[in-house]
Amino acid sequence: MWILTACAVVIVGAGAGAGTYAYINGELKRAYQANYEKTYQVCTGILDDLNQPVHEQTTDGVQTTIKTERSDGTPMTIKVTILEPKRTEVSVRTGWLGLWKKDISEQFHKFVEERIVKH
């Protein structure tokens, strides 16, 4: 049944806690035990360190979407969503429609995890 649907979901990791990713239609999602402001600052700090300019940013008060581009021209979209007061979700989509670069999205999540733990 899952193979026949257009909405494929892959869960990577053990359990439902930290370290678990959901890969849905090119978006690699993970929840973090950190408030929105901290998570947002970590994500934008990583982009600054990688010299990835923010081309577009929108927010609706619950979710902020950041559109950027890697140095090789690959598009990247990052969403930071409030789940609870001290819990956020980060979604990373890297690549073009149908040509997602999951490994780059995973690397971005590793950077987020390292920085959230440090702060």
PDB file of N, CA and C in Angstrom:
ATOM      1  N   MET A   1       0.824  -1.199   0.000  1.00  0.00           N
ATOM      2  CA  MET A   1       0.000   0.000   0.000  1.00  0.00           C
ATOM      3  C   MET A   1       0.861   1.252   0.000  1.00  0.00           C
ATOM      4  N   TRP A   2       1.888   1.307   0.874  1.00  0.00           N
ATOM      5  CA  TRP A   2       2.737   2.499   0.947  1.00  0.00           C
ATOM      6  C   TRP A   2       3.485   2.739  -0.354  1.00  0.00           C
ATOM      7  N   ILE A   3       3.869   1.676  -1.036  1.00  0.00           N
ATOM      8  CA  ILE A   3       4.611   1.821  -2.283  1.00  0.00           C
ATOM      9  C   ILE A   3       3.758   2.491  -3.346  1.00  0.00           C
ATOM     10  N   LEU A   4       2.460   2.278  -3.306  1.00  0.00           N
ATOM     11  CA  LEU A   4       1.570   2.809  -4.317  1.00  0.00           C
ATOM     12  C   LEU A   4       1.165   4.256  -4.076  1.00  0.00           C
ATOM     13  N   THR A   5       1.406   4.775  -2.891  1.00  0.00           N
ATOM     14  CA  THR A   5       0.989   6.148  -2.593  1.00  0.00           C
ATOM     15  C   THR A   5       2.053   7.145  -2.998  1.00  0.00           C
ATOM     16  N   ALA A   6       1.640   8.360  -3.292  1.00  0.00           N
ATOM     17  CA  ALA A   6       2.572   9.422  -3.681  1.00  0.00           C
ATOM     18  C   ALA A   6       3.205  10.064  -2.465  1.00  0.00           C
ATOM     19  N   CYS A   7       2.714   9.751  -1.302  1.00  0.00           N
ATOM     20  CA  CYS A   7       3.167  10.401  -0.073  1.00  0.00           C
ATOM     21  C   CYS A   7       4.003   9.418   0.738  1.00  0.00           C
ATOM     22  N   ALA A   8       5.181   9.101   0.259  1.00  0.00           N
ATOM     23  CA  ALA A   8       6.038   8.123   0.919  1.00  0.00           C
ATOM     24  C   ALA A   8       6.635   8.705   2.190  1.00  0.00           C
ATOM     25  N   VAL A   9       6.666   7.890   3.221  1.00  0.00           N
ATOM     26  CA  VAL A   9       7.215   8.313   4.501  1.00  0.00           C
ATOM     27  C   VAL A   9       8.271   7.299   4.919  1.00  0.00           C
ATOM     28  N   VAL A  10       9.423   7.781   5.336  1.00  0.00           N
ATOM     29  CA  VAL A  10      10.466   6.924   5.856  1.00  0.00           C
ATOM     30  C   VAL A  10      10.852   7.465   7.218  1.00  0.00           C
ATOM     31  N   ILE A  11      10.814   6.611   8.229  1.00  0.00           N
ATOM     32  CA  ILE A  11      11.232   7.010   9.570  1.00  0.00           C
ATOM     33  C   ILE A  11      12.618   6.426   9.796  1.00  0.00           C
ATOM     34  N   VAL A  12      13.559   7.285  10.177  1.00  0.00           N
ATOM     35  CA  VAL A  12      14.930   6.877  10.407  1.00  0.00           C
ATOM     36  C   VAL A  12      15.244   7.119  11.866  1.00  0.00           C
ATOM     37  N   GLY A  13      15.780   6.107  12.544  1.00  0.00           N
ATOM     38  CA  GLY A  13      16.131   6.269  13.950  1.00  0.00           C
ATOM     39  C   GLY A  13      15.336   5.301  14.797  1.00  0.00           C
ATOM     40  N   ALA A  14      15.575   5.332  16.086  1.00  0.00           N
ATOM     41  CA  ALA A  14      14.897   4.425  16.997  1.00  0.00           C
ATOM     42  C   ALA A  14      13.975   5.215  17.907  1.00  0.00           C
ATOM     43  N   GLY A  15      12.755   4.781  18.018  1.00  0.00           N
ATOM     44  CA  GLY A  15      11.811   5.426  18.918  1.00  0.00           C
ATOM     45  C   GLY A  15      11.287   6.736  18.382  1.00  0.00           C
ATOM     46  N   ALA A  16      10.511   7.413  19.210  1.00  0.00           N
ATOM     47  CA  ALA A  16       9.877   8.658  18.782  1.00  0.00           C
ATOM     48  C   ALA A  16      10.560   9.886  19.349  1.00  0.00           C
ATOM     49  N   GLY A  17      11.683   9.704  20.024  1.00  0.00           N
ATOM     50  CA  GLY A  17      12.344  10.842  20.653  1.00  0.00           C
ATOM     51  C   GLY A  17      13.404  11.466  19.780  1.00  0.00           C
ATOM     52  N   ALA A  18      14.361  12.104  20.423  1.00  0.00           N
ATOM     53  CA  ALA A  18      15.442  12.773  19.711  1.00  0.00           C
ATOM     54  C   ALA A  18      16.195  11.772  18.854  1.00  0.00           C
ATOM     55  N   GLY A  19      16.644  12.235  17.717  1.00  0.00           N
ATOM     56  CA  GLY A  19      17.388  11.371  16.820  1.00  0.00           C
ATOM     57  C   GLY A  19      16.528  10.715  15.771  1.00  0.00           C
ATOM     58  N   THR A  20      15.222  10.902  15.838  1.00  0.00           N
ATOM     59  CA  THR A  20      14.315  10.305  14.876  1.00  0.00           C
ATOM     60  C   THR A  20      13.968  11.320  13.801  1.00  0.00           C
ATOM     61  N   TYR A  21      14.107  10.906  12.557  1.00  0.00           N
ATOM     62  CA  TYR A  21      13.780  11.765  11.429  1.00  0.00           C
ATOM     63  C   TYR A  21      12.569  11.192  10.699  1.00  0.00           C
ATOM     64  N   ALA A  22      11.818  12.062  10.084  1.00  0.00           N
ATOM     65  CA  ALA A  22      10.763  11.642   9.160  1.00  0.00           C
ATOM     66  C   ALA A  22      11.126  12.235   7.806  1.00  0.00           C
ATOM     67  N   TYR A  23      11.187  11.404   6.789  1.00  0.00           N
ATOM     68  CA  TYR A  23      11.521  11.853   5.444  1.00  0.00           C
ATOM     69  C   TYR A  23      10.253  11.739   4.607  1.00  0.00           C
ATOM     70  N   ILE A  24       9.658  12.891   4.296  1.00  0.00           N
ATOM     71  CA  ILE A  24       8.371  12.924   3.608  1.00  0.00           C
ATOM     72  C   ILE A  24       8.486  13.808   2.381  1.00  0.00           C
ATOM     73  N   ASN A  25       8.319  13.220   1.216  1.00  0.00           N
ATOM     74  CA  ASN A  25       8.342  13.962  -0.047  1.00  0.00           C
ATOM     75  C   ASN A  25       9.496  14.968  -0.144  1.00  0.00           C
ATOM     76  N   GLY A  26      10.688  14.520   0.182  1.00  0.00           N
ATOM     77  CA  GLY A  26      11.861  15.365   0.053  1.00  0.00           C
ATOM     78  C   GLY A  26      12.183  16.217   1.259  1.00  0.00           C
ATOM     79  N   GLU A  27      11.318  16.242   2.263  1.00  0.00           N
ATOM     80  CA  GLU A  27      11.574  17.023   3.485  1.00  0.00           C
ATOM     81  C   GLU A  27      12.046  16.083   4.590  1.00  0.00           C
ATOM     82  N   LEU A  28      13.171  16.415   5.173  1.00  0.00           N
ATOM     83  CA  LEU A  28      13.683  15.657   6.305  1.00  0.00           C
ATOM     84  C   LEU A  28      13.333  16.433   7.565  1.00  0.00           C
ATOM     85  N   LYS A  29      12.462  15.858   8.394  1.00  0.00           N
ATOM     86  CA  LYS A  29      11.940  16.552   9.581  1.00  0.00           C
ATOM     87  C   LYS A  29      12.439  15.894  10.852  1.00  0.00           C
ATOM     88  N   ARG A  30      12.662  16.749  11.847  1.00  0.00           N
ATOM     89  CA  ARG A  30      13.059  16.254  13.160  1.00  0.00           C
ATOM     90  C   ARG A  30      12.627  17.251  14.225  1.00  0.00           C
ATOM     91  N   ALA A  31      12.187  16.746  15.361  1.00  0.00           N
ATOM     92  CA  ALA A  31      11.806  17.589  16.492  1.00  0.00           C
ATOM     93  C   ALA A  31      13.006  17.762  17.419  1.00  0.00           C
ATOM     94  N   TYR A  32      13.106  18.955  18.007  1.00  0.00           N
ATOM     95  CA  TYR A  32      14.197  19.284  18.937  1.00  0.00           C
ATOM     96  C   TYR A  32      13.617  19.816  20.247  1.00  0.00           C
ATOM     97  N   GLN A  33      14.284  19.485  21.356  1.00  0.00           N
ATOM     98  CA  GLN A  33      13.893  19.992  22.667  1.00  0.00           C
ATOM     99  C   GLN A  33      14.537  21.363  22.866  1.00  0.00           C
ATOM    100  N   ALA A  34      13.975  22.341  22.199  1.00  0.00           N
ATOM    101  CA  ALA A  34      14.460  23.721  22.298  1.00  0.00           C
ATOM    102  C   ALA A  34      13.321  24.637  21.885  1.00  0.00           C
ATOM    103  N   ASN A  35      13.308  25.838  22.444  1.00  0.00           N
ATOM    104  CA  ASN A  35      12.250  26.765  22.070  1.00  0.00           C
ATOM    105  C   ASN A  35      12.478  27.303  20.653  1.00  0.00           C
ATOM    106  N   TYR A  36      11.473  27.957  20.136  1.00  0.00           N
ATOM    107  CA  TYR A  36      11.510  28.450  18.760  1.00  0.00           C
ATOM    108  C   TYR A  36      12.680  29.407  18.540  1.00  0.00           C
ATOM    109  N   GLU A  37      12.848  30.393  19.397  1.00  0.00           N
ATOM    110  CA  GLU A  37      13.883  31.416  19.194  1.00  0.00           C
ATOM    111  C   GLU A  37      15.270  30.796  19.110  1.00  0.00           C
ATOM    112  N   LYS A  38      15.561  29.882  20.014  1.00  0.00           N
ATOM    113  CA  LYS A  38      16.868  29.219  20.013  1.00  0.00           C
ATOM    114  C   LYS A  38      17.059  28.419  18.723  1.00  0.00           C
ATOM    115  N   THR A  39      16.057  27.670  18.342  1.00  0.00           N
ATOM    116  CA  THR A  39      16.158  26.842  17.134  1.00  0.00           C
ATOM    117  C   THR A  39      16.306  27.699  15.887  1.00  0.00           C
ATOM    118  N   TYR A  40      15.530  28.767  15.816  1.00  0.00           N
ATOM    119  CA  TYR A  40      15.625  29.688  14.680  1.00  0.00           C
ATOM    120  C   TYR A  40      17.027  30.291  14.607  1.00  0.00           C
ATOM    121  N   GLN A  41      17.564  30.748  15.731  1.00  0.00           N
ATOM    122  CA  GLN A  41      18.900  31.347  15.756  1.00  0.00           C
ATOM    123  C   GLN A  41      19.972  30.336  15.348  1.00  0.00           C
ATOM    124  N   VAL A  42      19.822  29.094  15.777  1.00  0.00           N
ATOM    125  CA  VAL A  42      20.768  28.045  15.391  1.00  0.00           C
ATOM    126  C   VAL A  42      20.735  27.851  13.874  1.00  0.00           C
ATOM    127  N   CYS A  43      19.547  27.757  13.308  1.00  0.00           N
ATOM    128  CA  CYS A  43      19.418  27.533  11.861  1.00  0.00           C
ATOM    129  C   CYS A  43      19.995  28.687  11.051  1.00  0.00           C
ATOM    130  N   THR A  44      19.682  29.914  11.430  1.00  0.00           N
ATOM    131  CA  THR A  44      20.208  31.059  10.684  1.00  0.00           C
ATOM    132  C   THR A  44      21.714  31.219  10.912  1.00  0.00           C
ATOM    133  N   GLY A  45      22.196  30.836  12.077  1.00  0.00           N
ATOM    134  CA  GLY A  45      23.635  30.868  12.338  1.00  0.00           C
ATOM    135  C   GLY A  45      24.393  29.884  11.465  1.00  0.00           C
ATOM    136  N   ILE A  46      23.822  28.710  11.273  1.00  0.00           N
ATOM    137  CA  ILE A  46      24.431  27.712  10.386  1.00  0.00           C
ATOM    138  C   ILE A  46      24.488  28.250   8.963  1.00  0.00           C
ATOM    139  N   LEU A  47      23.396  28.859   8.516  1.00  0.00           N
ATOM    140  CA  LEU A  47      23.382  29.431   7.165  1.00  0.00           C
ATOM    141  C   LEU A  47      24.449  30.511   7.020  1.00  0.00           C
ATOM    142  N   ASP A  48      24.606  31.353   8.030  1.00  0.00           N
ATOM    143  CA  ASP A  48      25.655  32.380   8.008  1.00  0.00           C
ATOM    144  C   ASP A  48      27.040  31.741   7.897  1.00  0.00           C
ATOM    145  N   ASP A  49      27.282  30.722   8.708  1.00  0.00           N
ATOM    146  CA  ASP A  49      28.580  30.044   8.696  1.00  0.00           C
ATOM    147  C   ASP A  49      28.865  29.375   7.352  1.00  0.00           C
ATOM    148  N   LEU A  50      27.816  28.904   6.688  1.00  0.00           N
ATOM    149  CA  LEU A  50      27.966  28.249   5.384  1.00  0.00           C
ATOM    150  C   LEU A  50      27.939  29.247   4.224  1.00  0.00           C
ATOM    151  N   ASN A  51      27.823  30.533   4.553  1.00  0.00           N
ATOM    152  CA  ASN A  51      27.724  31.587   3.531  1.00  0.00           C
ATOM    153  C   ASN A  51      26.575  31.338   2.564  1.00  0.00           C
ATOM    154  N   GLN A  52      25.450  30.902   3.120  1.00  0.00           N
ATOM    155  CA  GLN A  52      24.243  30.687   2.325  1.00  0.00           C
ATOM    156  C   GLN A  52      23.298  31.850   2.565  1.00  0.00           C
ATOM    157  N   PRO A  53      23.102  32.687   1.567  1.00  0.00           N
ATOM    158  CA  PRO A  53      22.230  33.847   1.731  1.00  0.00           C
ATOM    159  C   PRO A  53      20.757  33.448   1.836  1.00  0.00           C
ATOM    160  N   VAL A  54      20.018  34.176   2.643  1.00  0.00           N
ATOM    161  CA  VAL A  54      18.573  33.973   2.734  1.00  0.00           C
ATOM    162  C   VAL A  54      17.939  34.768   1.597  1.00  0.00           C
ATOM    163  N   HIS A  55      17.274  34.060   0.689  1.00  0.00           N
ATOM    164  CA  HIS A  55      16.623  34.714  -0.446  1.00  0.00           C
ATOM    165  C   HIS A  55      15.205  35.155  -0.114  1.00  0.00           C
ATOM    166  N   GLU A  56      14.556  34.379   0.756  1.00  0.00           N
ATOM    167  CA  GLU A  56      13.174  34.682   1.126  1.00  0.00           C
ATOM    168  C   GLU A  56      12.905  34.100   2.503  1.00  0.00           C
ATOM    169  N   GLN A  57      12.138  34.827   3.296  1.00  0.00           N
ATOM    170  CA  GLN A  57      11.756  34.346   4.619  1.00  0.00           C
ATOM    171  C   GLN A  57      10.331  34.785   4.901  1.00  0.00           C
ATOM    172  N   THR A  58       9.501  33.830   5.309  1.00  0.00           N
ATOM    173  CA  THR A  58       8.121  34.142   5.663  1.00  0.00           C
ATOM    174  C   THR A  58       7.802  33.480   7.002  1.00  0.00           C
ATOM    175  N   THR A  59       6.867  34.077   7.720  1.00  0.00           N
ATOM    176  CA  THR A  59       6.440  33.504   8.989  1.00  0.00           C
ATOM    177  C   THR A  59       4.953  33.758   9.189  1.00  0.00           C
ATOM    178  N   ASP A  60       4.305  32.837   9.891  1.00  0.00           N
ATOM    179  CA  ASP A  60       2.893  33.015  10.218  1.00  0.00           C
ATOM    180  C   ASP A  60       2.674  33.022  11.722  1.00  0.00           C
ATOM    181  N   GLY A  61       3.750  33.127  12.483  1.00  0.00           N
ATOM    182  CA  GLY A  61       3.657  33.140  13.941  1.00  0.00           C
ATOM    183  C   GLY A  61       3.865  31.778  14.562  1.00  0.00           C
ATOM    184  N   VAL A  62       3.705  30.718  13.787  1.00  0.00           N
ATOM    185  CA  VAL A  62       3.917  29.356  14.263  1.00  0.00           C
ATOM    186  C   VAL A  62       5.064  28.705  13.504  1.00  0.00           C
ATOM    187  N   GLN A  63       5.204  29.066  12.240  1.00  0.00           N
ATOM    188  CA  GLN A  63       6.231  28.473  11.390  1.00  0.00           C
ATOM    189  C   GLN A  63       6.941  29.557  10.578  1.00  0.00           C
ATOM    190  N   THR A  64       8.255  29.445  10.512  1.00  0.00           N
ATOM    191  CA  THR A  64       9.057  30.327   9.674  1.00  0.00           C
ATOM    192  C   THR A  64       9.684  29.482   8.575  1.00  0.00           C
ATOM    193  N   THR A  65       9.557  29.944   7.340  1.00  0.00           N
ATOM    194  CA  THR A  65      10.133  29.265   6.180  1.00  0.00           C
ATOM    195  C   THR A  65      11.260  30.124   5.640  1.00  0.00           C
ATOM    196  N   ILE A  66      12.423  29.517   5.497  1.00  0.00           N
ATOM    197  CA  ILE A  66      13.612  30.209   4.999  1.00  0.00           C
ATOM    198  C   ILE A  66      14.023  29.537   3.690  1.00  0.00           C
ATOM    199  N   LYS A  67      14.118  30.326   2.625  1.00  0.00           N
ATOM    200  CA  LYS A  67      14.593  29.808   1.343  1.00  0.00           C
ATOM    201  C   LYS A  67      15.985  30.348   1.095  1.00  0.00           C
ATOM    202  N   THR A  68      16.899  29.444   0.787  1.00  0.00           N
ATOM    203  CA  THR A  68      18.299  29.781   0.596  1.00  0.00           C
ATOM    204  C   THR A  68      18.843  28.969  -0.574  1.00  0.00           C
ATOM    205  N   GLU A  69      20.128  29.160  -0.831  1.00  0.00           N
ATOM    206  CA  GLU A  69      20.759  28.454  -1.940  1.00  0.00           C
ATOM    207  C   GLU A  69      22.188  28.120  -1.533  1.00  0.00           C
ATOM    208  N   ARG A  70      22.583  26.877  -1.788  1.00  0.00           N
ATOM    209  CA  ARG A  70      23.956  26.452  -1.497  1.00  0.00           C
ATOM    210  C   ARG A  70      24.915  27.055  -2.520  1.00  0.00           C
ATOM    211  N   SER A  71      26.192  27.004  -2.240  1.00  0.00           N
ATOM    212  CA  SER A  71      27.186  27.618  -3.131  1.00  0.00           C
ATOM    213  C   SER A  71      27.187  27.002  -4.528  1.00  0.00           C
ATOM    214  N   ASP A  72      26.726  25.750  -4.653  1.00  0.00           N
ATOM    215  CA  ASP A  72      26.670  25.106  -5.970  1.00  0.00           C
ATOM    216  C   ASP A  72      25.355  25.387  -6.703  1.00  0.00           C
ATOM    217  N   GLY A  73      24.519  26.251  -6.121  1.00  0.00           N
ATOM    218  CA  GLY A  73      23.253  26.618  -6.755  1.00  0.00           C
ATOM    219  C   GLY A  73      22.069  25.754  -6.347  1.00  0.00           C
ATOM    220  N   THR A  74      22.295  24.743  -5.513  1.00  0.00           N
ATOM    221  CA  THR A  74      21.212  23.862  -5.070  1.00  0.00           C
ATOM    222  C   THR A  74      20.300  24.609  -4.110  1.00  0.00           C
ATOM    223  N   PRO A  75      18.983  24.611  -4.394  1.00  0.00           N
ATOM    224  CA  PRO A  75      18.055  25.282  -3.480  1.00  0.00           C
ATOM    225  C   PRO A  75      17.863  24.499  -2.184  1.00  0.00           C
ATOM    226  N   MET A  76      17.605  25.243  -1.114  1.00  0.00           N
ATOM    227  CA  MET A  76      17.352  24.632   0.193  1.00  0.00           C
ATOM    228  C   MET A  76      16.246  25.425   0.878  1.00  0.00           C
ATOM    229  N   THR A  77      15.296  24.690   1.437  1.00  0.00           N
ATOM    230  CA  THR A  77      14.212  25.307   2.200  1.00  0.00           C
ATOM    231  C   THR A  77      14.237  24.731   3.610  1.00  0.00           C
ATOM    232  N   ILE A  78      14.236  25.622   4.592  1.00  0.00           N
ATOM    233  CA  ILE A  78      14.247  25.230   5.999  1.00  0.00           C
ATOM    234  C   ILE A  78      12.994  25.796   6.646  1.00  0.00           C
ATOM    235  N   LYS A  79      12.276  24.952   7.374  1.00  0.00           N
ATOM    236  CA  LYS A  79      11.094  25.392   8.119  1.00  0.00           C
ATOM    237  C   LYS A  79      11.332  25.123   9.592  1.00  0.00           C
ATOM    238  N   VAL A  80      11.092  26.140  10.408  1.00  0.00           N
ATOM    239  CA  VAL A  80      11.184  26.011  11.862  1.00  0.00           C
ATOM    240  C   VAL A  80       9.770  26.207  12.389  1.00  0.00           C
ATOM    241  N   THR A  81       9.234  25.171  13.042  1.00  0.00           N
ATOM    242  CA  THR A  81       7.840  25.174  13.488  1.00  0.00           C
ATOM    243  C   THR A  81       7.750  24.975  14.993  1.00  0.00           C
ATOM    244  N   ILE A  82       6.924  25.772  15.637  1.00  0.00           N
ATOM    245  CA  ILE A  82       6.672  25.615  17.072  1.00  0.00           C
ATOM    246  C   ILE A  82       5.730  24.436  17.271  1.00  0.00           C
ATOM    247  N   LEU A  83       6.176  23.456  18.052  1.00  0.00           N
ATOM    248  CA  LEU A  83       5.314  22.328  18.404  1.00  0.00           C
ATOM    249  C   LEU A  83       4.722  22.519  19.794  1.00  0.00           C
ATOM    250  N   GLU A  84       5.564  22.968  20.706  1.00  0.00           N
ATOM    251  CA  GLU A  84       5.208  23.251  22.094  1.00  0.00           C
ATOM    252  C   GLU A  84       6.119  24.394  22.542  1.00  0.00           C
ATOM    253  N   PRO A  85       5.890  24.990  23.702  1.00  0.00           N
ATOM    254  CA  PRO A  85       6.748  26.102  24.119  1.00  0.00           C
ATOM    255  C   PRO A  85       8.252  25.787  24.102  1.00  0.00           C
ATOM    256  N   LYS A  86       8.650  24.582  24.448  1.00  0.00           N
ATOM    257  CA  LYS A  86      10.079  24.233  24.469  1.00  0.00           C
ATOM    258  C   LYS A  86      10.403  23.094  23.507  1.00  0.00           C
ATOM    259  N   ARG A  87       9.637  23.002  22.435  1.00  0.00           N
ATOM    260  CA  ARG A  87       9.854  21.936  21.445  1.00  0.00           C
ATOM    261  C   ARG A  87       9.537  22.476  20.057  1.00  0.00           C
ATOM    262  N   THR A  88      10.490  22.296  19.140  1.00  0.00           N
ATOM    263  CA  THR A  88      10.311  22.772  17.771  1.00  0.00           C
ATOM    264  C   THR A  88      10.607  21.657  16.786  1.00  0.00           C
ATOM    265  N   GLU A  89      10.148  21.862  15.564  1.00  0.00           N
ATOM    266  CA  GLU A  89      10.451  20.926  14.489  1.00  0.00           C
ATOM    267  C   GLU A  89      11.198  21.685  13.404  1.00  0.00           C
ATOM    268  N   VAL A  90      12.245  21.071  12.887  1.00  0.00           N
ATOM    269  CA  VAL A  90      12.985  21.634  11.770  1.00  0.00           C
ATOM    270  C   VAL A  90      12.804  20.702  10.587  1.00  0.00           C
ATOM    271  N   SER A  91      12.415  21.297   9.468  1.00  0.00           N
ATOM    272  CA  SER A  91      12.245  20.558   8.219  1.00  0.00           C
ATOM    273  C   SER A  91      13.247  21.125   7.223  1.00  0.00           C
ATOM    274  N   VAL A  92      13.995  20.246   6.564  1.00  0.00           N
ATOM    275  CA  VAL A  92      14.996  20.675   5.592  1.00  0.00           C
ATOM    276  C   VAL A  92      14.737  19.955   4.274  1.00  0.00           C
ATOM    277  N   ARG A  93      14.612  20.732   3.218  1.00  0.00           N
ATOM    278  CA  ARG A  93      14.468  20.180   1.865  1.00  0.00           C
ATOM    279  C   ARG A  93      15.599  20.762   1.027  1.00  0.00           C
ATOM    280  N   THR A  94      16.423  19.885   0.477  1.00  0.00           N
ATOM    281  CA  THR A  94      17.556  20.305  -0.331  1.00  0.00           C
ATOM    282  C   THR A  94      17.441  19.682  -1.713  1.00  0.00           C
ATOM    283  N   GLY A  95      17.533  20.497  -2.745  1.00  0.00           N
ATOM    284  CA  GLY A  95      17.489  19.989  -4.109  1.00  0.00           C
ATOM    285  C   GLY A  95      16.258  20.440  -4.856  1.00  0.00           C
ATOM    286  N   TRP A  96      16.145  19.929  -6.054  1.00  0.00           N
ATOM    287  CA  TRP A  96      15.045  20.275  -6.938  1.00  0.00           C
ATOM    288  C   TRP A  96      13.979  19.195  -6.890  1.00  0.00           C
ATOM    289  N   LEU A  97      12.792  19.512  -7.310  1.00  0.00           N
ATOM    290  CA  LEU A  97      11.673  18.577  -7.330  1.00  0.00           C
ATOM    291  C   LEU A  97      12.098  17.253  -7.964  1.00  0.00           C
ATOM    292  N   GLY A  98      11.967  16.188  -7.220  1.00  0.00           N
ATOM    293  CA  GLY A  98      12.319  14.862  -7.702  1.00  0.00           C
ATOM    294  C   GLY A  98      13.796  14.526  -7.587  1.00  0.00           C
ATOM    295  N   LEU A  99      14.636  15.496  -7.259  1.00  0.00           N
ATOM    296  CA  LEU A  99      16.077  15.268  -7.122  1.00  0.00           C
ATOM    297  C   LEU A  99      16.553  15.729  -5.748  1.00  0.00           C
ATOM    298  N   TRP A 100      15.884  15.265  -4.697  1.00  0.00           N
ATOM    299  CA  TRP A 100      16.212  15.693  -3.345  1.00  0.00           C
ATOM    300  C   TRP A 100      17.572  15.154  -2.945  1.00  0.00           C
ATOM    301  N   LYS A 101      18.302  15.934  -2.183  1.00  0.00           N
ATOM    302  CA  LYS A 101      19.623  15.548  -1.680  1.00  0.00           C
ATOM    303  C   LYS A 101      19.508  15.302  -0.181  1.00  0.00           C
ATOM    304  N   LYS A 102      19.053  14.104   0.150  1.00  0.00           N
ATOM    305  CA  LYS A 102      18.798  13.747   1.544  1.00  0.00           C
ATOM    306  C   LYS A 102      20.057  13.855   2.402  1.00  0.00           C
ATOM    307  N   ASP A 103      21.214  13.487   1.854  1.00  0.00           N
ATOM    308  CA  ASP A 103      22.445  13.523   2.637  1.00  0.00           C
ATOM    309  C   ASP A 103      22.799  14.940   3.104  1.00  0.00           C
ATOM    310  N   ILE A 104      22.525  15.936   2.272  1.00  0.00           N
ATOM    311  CA  ILE A 104      22.800  17.323   2.660  1.00  0.00           C
ATOM    312  C   ILE A 104      21.822  17.772   3.736  1.00  0.00           C
ATOM    313  N   SER A 105      20.560  17.360   3.604  1.00  0.00           N
ATOM    314  CA  SER A 105      19.569  17.680   4.641  1.00  0.00           C
ATOM    315  C   SER A 105      19.948  17.031   5.970  1.00  0.00           C
ATOM    316  N   GLU A 106      20.432  15.785   5.921  1.00  0.00           N
ATOM    317  CA  GLU A 106      20.875  15.098   7.138  1.00  0.00           C
ATOM    318  C   GLU A 106      22.041  15.846   7.783  1.00  0.00           C
ATOM    319  N   GLN A 107      22.969  16.318   6.958  1.00  0.00           N
ATOM    320  CA  GLN A 107      24.116  17.058   7.475  1.00  0.00           C
ATOM    321  C   GLN A 107      23.663  18.341   8.178  1.00  0.00           C
ATOM    322  N   PHE A 108      22.698  19.048   7.595  1.00  0.00           N
ATOM    323  CA  PHE A 108      22.186  20.267   8.228  1.00  0.00           C
ATOM    324  C   PHE A 108      21.590  19.931   9.591  1.00  0.00           C
ATOM    325  N   HIS A 109      20.833  18.826   9.674  1.00  0.00           N
ATOM    326  CA  HIS A 109      20.246  18.422  10.958  1.00  0.00           C
ATOM    327  C   HIS A 109      21.330  18.085  11.980  1.00  0.00           C
ATOM    328  N   LYS A 110      22.421  17.485  11.541  1.00  0.00           N
ATOM    329  CA  LYS A 110      23.524  17.187  12.472  1.00  0.00           C
ATOM    330  C   LYS A 110      24.102  18.479  13.040  1.00  0.00           C
ATOM    331  N   PHE A 111      24.239  19.500  12.182  1.00  0.00           N
ATOM    332  CA  PHE A 111      24.720  20.800  12.654  1.00  0.00           C
ATOM    333  C   PHE A 111      23.742  21.391  13.671  1.00  0.00           C
ATOM    334  N   VAL A 112      22.438  21.292  13.390  1.00  0.00           N
ATOM    335  CA  VAL A 112      21.424  21.828  14.306  1.00  0.00           C
ATOM    336  C   VAL A 112      21.530  21.105  15.656  1.00  0.00           C
ATOM    337  N   GLU A 113      21.589  19.794  15.626  1.00  0.00           N
ATOM    338  CA  GLU A 113      21.655  19.022  16.863  1.00  0.00           C
ATOM    339  C   GLU A 113      22.888  19.408  17.694  1.00  0.00           C
ATOM    340  N   GLU A 114      24.035  19.516  17.044  1.00  0.00           N
ATOM    341  CA  GLU A 114      25.258  19.875  17.762  1.00  0.00           C
ATOM    342  C   GLU A 114      25.145  21.243  18.430  1.00  0.00           C
ATOM    343  N   ARG A 115      24.579  22.195  17.731  1.00  0.00           N
ATOM    344  CA  ARG A 115      24.496  23.556  18.271  1.00  0.00           C
ATOM    345  C   ARG A 115      23.422  23.696  19.346  1.00  0.00           C
ATOM    346  N   ILE A 116      22.342  22.979  19.217  1.00  0.00           N
ATOM    347  CA  ILE A 116      21.295  23.048  20.250  1.00  0.00           C
ATOM    348  C   ILE A 116      21.831  22.462  21.551  1.00  0.00           C
ATOM    349  N   VAL A 117      22.579  21.391  21.472  1.00  0.00           N
ATOM    350  CA  VAL A 117      23.150  20.778  22.666  1.00  0.00           C
ATOM    351  C   VAL A 117      24.144  21.716  23.331  1.00  0.00           C
ATOM    352  N   LYS A 118      24.932  22.451  22.548  1.00  0.00           N
ATOM    353  CA  LYS A 118      25.942  23.369  23.093  1.00  0.00           C
ATOM    354  C   LYS A 118      25.314  24.565  23.803  1.00  0.00           C
ATOM    355  N   HIS A 119      24.199  25.044  23.294  1.00  0.00           N
ATOM    356  CA  HIS A 119      23.596  26.271  23.845  1.00  0.00           C
ATOM    357  C   HIS A 119      22.746  25.961  25.024  1.00  0.00           C
TER     358      HIS A 119
END
